[in-house]
Amino acid sequence: MDAPSNITNAQSDRELILIWMADKSRTTQASFKGTVAKFIEFVDKPLSEVRLDDLQIWKRGLEARFKPTTVANKVLVVKSLFSFAVKVGYLPINIGSFIKPPKTKEALAEKILTVADVKRLIDATKTHRDGLMLSLMYGCGLRVSEVVGLTWDDLKPHQEGGGKATVFGKGSKTRVVIIPPKLWRQVLEFKQIDRASQWVFVSGKGKQMERSVIHRMIKRTCQRAGVDERASSHWLRHSHATHSLEAGCNLRLLQQSLGHASVTTTEKYLHISPDKGSSQYIDF
């Protein structure tokens, strides 16, 4: 097969990496940038000179320091970079295709909080703002980036009661999420506070909230509430999905609400806490 035509003007690895990350979300860019920077520092050579041996040694080093899930994520990032480099004609061979991420255990079931845990967590927050942020993550299945990105213009009343939020989500996709009446009343109460900012949630200095600040707040709140300290904002989203299905939510509706591109991603929640199994048909 002929090598692809060069469709980039990148003259260096640095320029290529910038082009590769250009259309990715800010969150993804931050994550990928760190992984790639460490990889480049480790191999200490241009991408064009990286060989399979380099990748294997790098991967073994990761396996000695990180859990399989973390290793898999880092390997996938580097594989993506090499794949892109070949696709745009910057490199002739995709050396990354020869290395595989480690197989990882599906640990999603360990990241589901009980309804009681969620309530304890929200009740343990110290401010109305923090409690409302966690309530939106759980009640509407929002990502932390979607919560900090909310503006007052994004929130509108829903004709059937409650409210709705226009969310700018992962992959730069926009969707509308319904806010149930009880939670909507909390939003309206929160809005009564005099605010000059366009953002719904702001810091003490009136600036848009940072995700890192929320992550730290959740960890502290978990300690006060006696909830698993590994819990994160995404655990609330996982819990929303699982509890919704247990209550009878339609799978397609859940997919739409969560903003999943494929229903396959949403289907994984069907296997978290099944209430039926083949063992029920065995009489002994």
Protein backbone atom coordinates (compact mmCIF):
# COMPACT_ATOMS: atom_id res chain seq x y z
CA MET A 1 0.00 0.00 0.00
CA ASP A 2 1.33 3.43 -0.92
CA ALA A 3 2.19 5.76 1.92
CA PRO A 4 -0.45 8.47 2.47
CA SER A 5 0.18 11.92 1.06
CA ASN A 6 1.57 14.39 3.54
CA ILE A 7 -1.37 16.57 4.57
CA THR A 8 0.37 18.54 7.30
CA ASN A 9 3.02 21.23 7.30
CA ALA A 10 4.41 20.02 10.63
CA GLN A 11 8.20 20.17 10.56
CA SER A 12 8.82 18.82 14.05
CA ASP A 13 7.36 16.44 16.60
CA ARG A 14 6.25 19.40 18.70
CA GLU A 15 4.27 20.87 15.81
CA LEU A 16 2.71 17.50 15.03
CA ILE A 17 1.62 17.02 18.65
CA LEU A 18 -0.01 20.45 18.70
CA ILE A 19 -1.95 19.62 15.52
CA TRP A 20 -2.95 16.21 16.93
CA MET A 21 -4.39 17.79 20.07
CA ALA A 22 -5.93 20.85 18.40
CA ASP A 23 -9.50 19.54 18.15
CA LYS A 24 -9.55 17.73 21.47
CA SER A 25 -11.31 19.09 24.54
CA ARG A 26 -9.37 21.08 27.11
CA THR A 27 -9.65 18.20 29.56
CA THR A 28 -8.32 15.69 27.03
CA GLN A 29 -5.51 18.02 26.00
CA ALA A 30 -4.34 18.36 29.60
CA SER A 31 -4.34 14.59 30.09
CA PHE A 32 -2.68 13.74 26.76
CA LYS A 33 -0.06 16.47 27.06
CA GLY A 34 1.32 15.05 30.29
CA THR A 35 1.43 11.48 28.99
CA VAL A 36 3.13 12.40 25.72
CA ALA A 37 5.63 14.72 27.43
CA LYS A 38 6.71 11.89 29.75
CA PHE A 39 6.94 9.49 26.82
CA ILE A 40 9.12 11.85 24.77
CA GLU A 41 11.33 12.44 27.79
CA PHE A 42 11.70 8.68 28.31
CA VAL A 43 12.62 7.67 24.74
CA ASP A 44 14.78 10.80 24.32
CA LYS A 45 14.65 10.70 20.53
CA PRO A 46 12.46 11.93 17.65
CA LEU A 47 9.26 9.99 16.93
CA SER A 48 10.73 8.91 13.59
CA GLU A 49 13.51 7.06 15.43
CA VAL A 50 11.34 5.28 18.01
CA ARG A 51 11.52 1.50 17.68
CA LEU A 52 9.46 -1.37 19.09
CA ASP A 53 12.13 -2.00 21.72
CA ASP A 54 11.68 1.55 23.02
CA LEU A 55 7.92 1.06 23.33
CA GLN A 56 8.28 -2.26 25.10
CA ILE A 57 10.77 -0.92 27.65
CA TRP A 58 8.56 2.13 28.23
CA LYS A 59 5.50 -0.05 28.77
CA ARG A 60 7.34 -2.33 31.21
CA GLY A 61 8.39 0.74 33.17
CA LEU A 62 4.76 1.85 33.39
CA GLU A 63 3.66 -1.60 34.55
CA ALA A 64 6.17 -1.45 37.39
CA ARG A 65 4.70 1.82 38.66
CA PHE A 66 1.01 1.99 37.75
CA LYS A 67 -2.17 -0.04 37.85
CA PRO A 68 -3.19 -1.83 34.62
CA THR A 69 -5.97 0.69 33.91
CA THR A 70 -3.54 3.61 34.09
CA VAL A 71 -1.00 1.76 31.93
CA ALA A 72 -3.68 0.97 29.36
CA ASN A 73 -4.77 4.63 29.18
CA LYS A 74 -1.20 5.86 28.66
CA VAL A 75 -0.47 3.22 26.01
CA LEU A 76 -3.65 4.15 24.13
CA VAL A 77 -2.64 7.82 24.13
CA VAL A 78 0.76 7.07 22.57
CA LYS A 79 -0.82 4.65 20.08
CA SER A 80 -3.22 7.41 19.07
CA LEU A 81 -0.33 9.81 18.47
CA PHE A 82 1.55 7.38 16.21
CA SER A 83 -1.61 6.47 14.35
CA PHE A 84 -2.30 10.15 13.67
CA ALA A 85 1.28 10.75 12.57
CA VAL A 86 0.97 8.03 9.93
CA LYS A 87 -2.52 9.09 8.88
CA VAL A 88 -1.37 12.62 8.02
CA GLY A 89 1.83 11.39 6.35
CA TYR A 90 4.27 12.63 8.98
CA LEU A 91 5.59 9.09 9.62
CA PRO A 92 5.76 6.17 7.17
CA ILE A 93 5.13 3.34 9.67
CA ASN A 94 2.79 3.10 12.64
CA ILE A 95 5.19 1.66 15.21
CA GLY A 96 2.51 2.10 17.86
CA SER A 97 0.37 -0.61 16.26
CA PHE A 98 2.83 -3.25 17.49
CA ILE A 99 2.23 -2.60 21.18
CA LYS A 100 -0.98 -3.54 22.98
CA PRO A 101 -2.50 -2.08 26.15
CA PRO A 102 -2.80 -4.55 29.05
CA LYS A 103 -6.15 -6.17 29.62
CA THR A 104 -7.94 -4.59 32.55
CA LYS A 105 -10.59 -5.75 34.93
CA GLU A 106 -13.99 -4.08 34.58
CA ALA A 107 -14.15 -2.14 37.83
CA LEU A 108 -17.28 -0.11 37.13
CA ALA A 109 -19.30 -2.02 39.73
CA GLU A 110 -16.91 -0.74 42.39
CA LYS A 111 -17.67 2.86 41.43
CA ILE A 112 -21.39 2.85 42.14
CA LEU A 113 -22.58 4.57 45.31
CA THR A 114 -25.80 3.57 47.03
CA VAL A 115 -28.63 6.11 47.14
CA ALA A 116 -27.95 6.48 50.88
CA ASP A 117 -24.27 7.22 50.21
CA VAL A 118 -25.18 9.86 47.64
CA LYS A 119 -27.54 11.57 50.07
CA ARG A 120 -24.93 11.51 52.84
CA LEU A 121 -22.35 12.96 50.49
CA ILE A 122 -24.58 15.83 49.37
CA ASP A 123 -25.71 16.54 52.94
CA ALA A 124 -22.07 16.73 54.06
CA THR A 125 -21.21 19.61 51.70
CA LYS A 126 -20.48 22.90 53.45
CA THR A 127 -22.10 25.33 51.00
CA HIS A 128 -25.29 25.57 48.96
CA ARG A 129 -23.11 25.85 45.86
CA ASP A 130 -21.23 22.60 46.52
CA GLY A 131 -24.40 20.70 47.36
CA LEU A 132 -26.09 21.87 44.17
CA MET A 133 -23.10 20.92 42.02
CA LEU A 134 -23.10 17.36 43.40
CA SER A 135 -26.89 17.18 43.05
CA LEU A 136 -26.65 18.07 39.35
CA MET A 137 -23.89 15.51 38.77
CA TYR A 138 -25.99 12.80 40.36
CA GLY A 139 -29.53 13.94 39.52
CA CYS A 140 -28.80 14.70 35.86
CA GLY A 141 -25.74 12.54 35.23
CA LEU A 142 -23.55 15.52 34.34
CA ARG A 143 -19.80 15.40 34.02
CA VAL A 144 -17.84 17.80 36.22
CA SER A 145 -16.69 19.70 33.10
CA GLU A 146 -20.33 20.11 32.08
CA VAL A 147 -21.29 21.46 35.49
CA VAL A 148 -18.51 24.07 35.61
CA GLY A 149 -19.38 25.06 32.05
CA LEU A 150 -23.02 25.89 32.83
CA THR A 151 -24.12 29.49 32.35
CA TRP A 152 -27.41 30.99 33.46
CA ASP A 153 -28.44 31.30 29.81
CA ASP A 154 -28.15 27.50 29.54
CA LEU A 155 -30.93 26.99 32.10
CA LYS A 156 -34.58 27.28 31.12
CA PRO A 157 -37.89 26.16 32.65
CA HIS A 158 -39.37 22.97 31.22
CA GLN A 159 -42.96 23.12 29.99
CA GLU A 160 -43.76 19.86 31.76
CA GLY A 161 -42.36 21.09 35.06
CA GLY A 162 -38.86 21.42 36.40
CA GLY A 163 -36.17 22.78 34.13
CA LYS A 164 -33.75 21.90 31.38
CA ALA A 165 -30.10 22.61 30.74
CA THR A 166 -28.29 22.93 27.45
CA VAL A 167 -25.02 21.14 28.07
CA PHE A 168 -21.81 21.41 26.08
CA GLY A 169 -20.42 17.93 26.55
CA LYS A 170 -17.62 15.58 25.60
CA GLY A 171 -16.53 15.71 21.99
CA SER A 172 -17.92 19.25 21.67
CA LYS A 173 -21.44 17.82 21.47
CA THR A 174 -24.43 19.75 22.77
CA ARG A 175 -27.42 18.06 24.37
CA VAL A 176 -30.41 19.06 26.48
CA VAL A 177 -30.75 17.54 29.94
CA ILE A 178 -33.97 17.61 31.95
CA ILE A 179 -33.73 18.88 35.54
CA PRO A 180 -36.40 17.32 37.80
CA PRO A 181 -38.76 19.72 39.66
CA LYS A 182 -37.23 19.29 43.14
CA LEU A 183 -33.72 19.95 41.83
CA TRP A 184 -34.95 22.80 39.63
CA ARG A 185 -36.36 24.55 42.72
CA GLN A 186 -32.89 24.34 44.26
CA VAL A 187 -31.43 25.93 41.14
CA LEU A 188 -33.95 28.79 41.32
CA GLU A 189 -33.21 29.32 45.02
CA PHE A 190 -29.51 29.43 44.24
CA LYS A 191 -30.15 31.97 41.49
CA GLN A 192 -31.70 34.39 43.98
CA ILE A 193 -28.21 35.15 45.25
CA ASP A 194 -26.97 38.32 43.56
CA ARG A 195 -24.42 37.27 40.95
CA ALA A 196 -22.64 39.31 38.30
CA SER A 197 -21.06 36.32 36.56
CA GLN A 198 -22.51 34.49 33.58
CA TRP A 199 -21.37 31.21 35.13
CA VAL A 200 -23.75 29.33 37.41
CA PHE A 201 -20.93 28.17 39.68
CA VAL A 202 -18.15 30.55 40.55
CA SER A 203 -15.21 30.63 42.95
CA GLY A 204 -14.90 32.93 45.93
CA LYS A 205 -13.29 35.45 43.56
CA GLY A 206 -16.24 35.34 41.18
CA LYS A 207 -14.43 33.36 38.51
CA GLN A 208 -15.52 30.15 36.76
CA MET A 209 -15.00 27.09 38.94
CA GLU A 210 -11.98 24.87 38.25
CA ARG A 211 -12.48 21.11 38.00
CA SER A 212 -9.51 20.47 40.26
CA VAL A 213 -11.13 22.51 43.03
CA ILE A 214 -14.30 20.43 42.79
CA HIS A 215 -12.34 17.18 42.84
CA ARG A 216 -10.62 18.23 46.07
CA MET A 217 -13.93 19.35 47.56
CA ILE A 218 -15.46 15.94 46.86
CA LYS A 219 -12.57 14.13 48.55
CA ARG A 220 -12.96 16.28 51.69
CA THR A 221 -16.72 15.80 51.66
CA CYS A 222 -16.30 12.02 51.39
CA GLN A 223 -14.20 12.07 54.54
CA ARG A 224 -16.85 14.02 56.45
CA ALA A 225 -19.68 11.84 55.14
CA GLY A 226 -17.94 8.52 55.77
CA VAL A 227 -18.24 7.64 52.07
CA ASP A 228 -15.59 5.71 50.10
CA GLU A 229 -12.78 8.25 49.70
CA ARG A 230 -12.04 6.96 46.21
CA ALA A 231 -15.36 8.44 45.09
CA SER A 232 -15.20 11.16 42.46
CA SER A 233 -17.52 13.29 40.38
CA HIS A 234 -17.69 10.49 37.82
CA TRP A 235 -18.86 8.05 40.49
CA LEU A 236 -21.95 10.25 40.82
CA ARG A 237 -22.54 9.99 37.07
CA HIS A 238 -22.08 6.20 37.20
CA SER A 239 -24.51 6.04 40.12
CA HIS A 240 -27.05 8.13 38.22
CA ALA A 241 -26.92 5.73 35.28
CA THR A 242 -27.24 2.59 37.39
CA HIS A 243 -29.99 3.91 39.64
CA SER A 244 -31.95 5.21 36.63
CA LEU A 245 -31.91 1.80 34.96
CA GLU A 246 -32.89 0.09 38.21
CA ALA A 247 -35.88 2.42 38.42
CA GLY A 248 -36.99 1.44 34.90
CA CYS A 249 -35.36 4.08 32.68
CA ASN A 250 -35.24 3.18 28.99
CA LEU A 251 -31.72 2.40 27.77
CA ARG A 252 -31.99 4.71 24.75
CA LEU A 253 -33.26 7.55 26.92
CA LEU A 254 -30.34 7.06 29.29
CA GLN A 255 -27.92 7.09 26.34
CA GLN A 256 -29.40 10.39 25.17
CA SER A 257 -29.30 11.92 28.66
CA LEU A 258 -25.69 10.92 29.29
CA GLY A 259 -24.54 12.00 25.84
CA HIS A 260 -23.04 8.64 24.86
CA ALA A 261 -22.23 8.38 21.15
CA SER A 262 -22.97 4.64 21.18
CA VAL A 263 -25.56 2.68 23.12
CA THR A 264 -22.85 0.06 23.69
CA THR A 265 -21.26 2.44 26.18
CA THR A 266 -24.56 2.78 28.02
CA GLU A 267 -25.24 -0.97 28.00
CA LYS A 268 -22.36 -1.62 30.41
CA TYR A 269 -24.58 -0.30 33.20
CA LEU A 270 -27.04 -3.13 32.61
CA HIS A 271 -24.55 -5.58 34.09
CA ILE A 272 -23.65 -3.67 37.24
CA SER A 273 -26.35 -4.87 39.60
CA PRO A 274 -28.60 -7.37 37.83
CA ASP A 275 -31.58 -8.50 39.89
CA LYS A 276 -31.93 -11.77 37.98
CA GLY A 277 -29.49 -14.54 37.11
CA SER A 278 -29.45 -18.09 35.76
CA SER A 279 -28.73 -19.38 39.28
CA GLN A 280 -32.33 -18.56 40.21
CA TYR A 281 -33.42 -21.41 37.96
CA ILE A 282 -31.32 -24.04 39.76
CA ASP A 283 -33.13 -25.97 42.47
CA PHE A 284 -30.85 -27.66 44.96
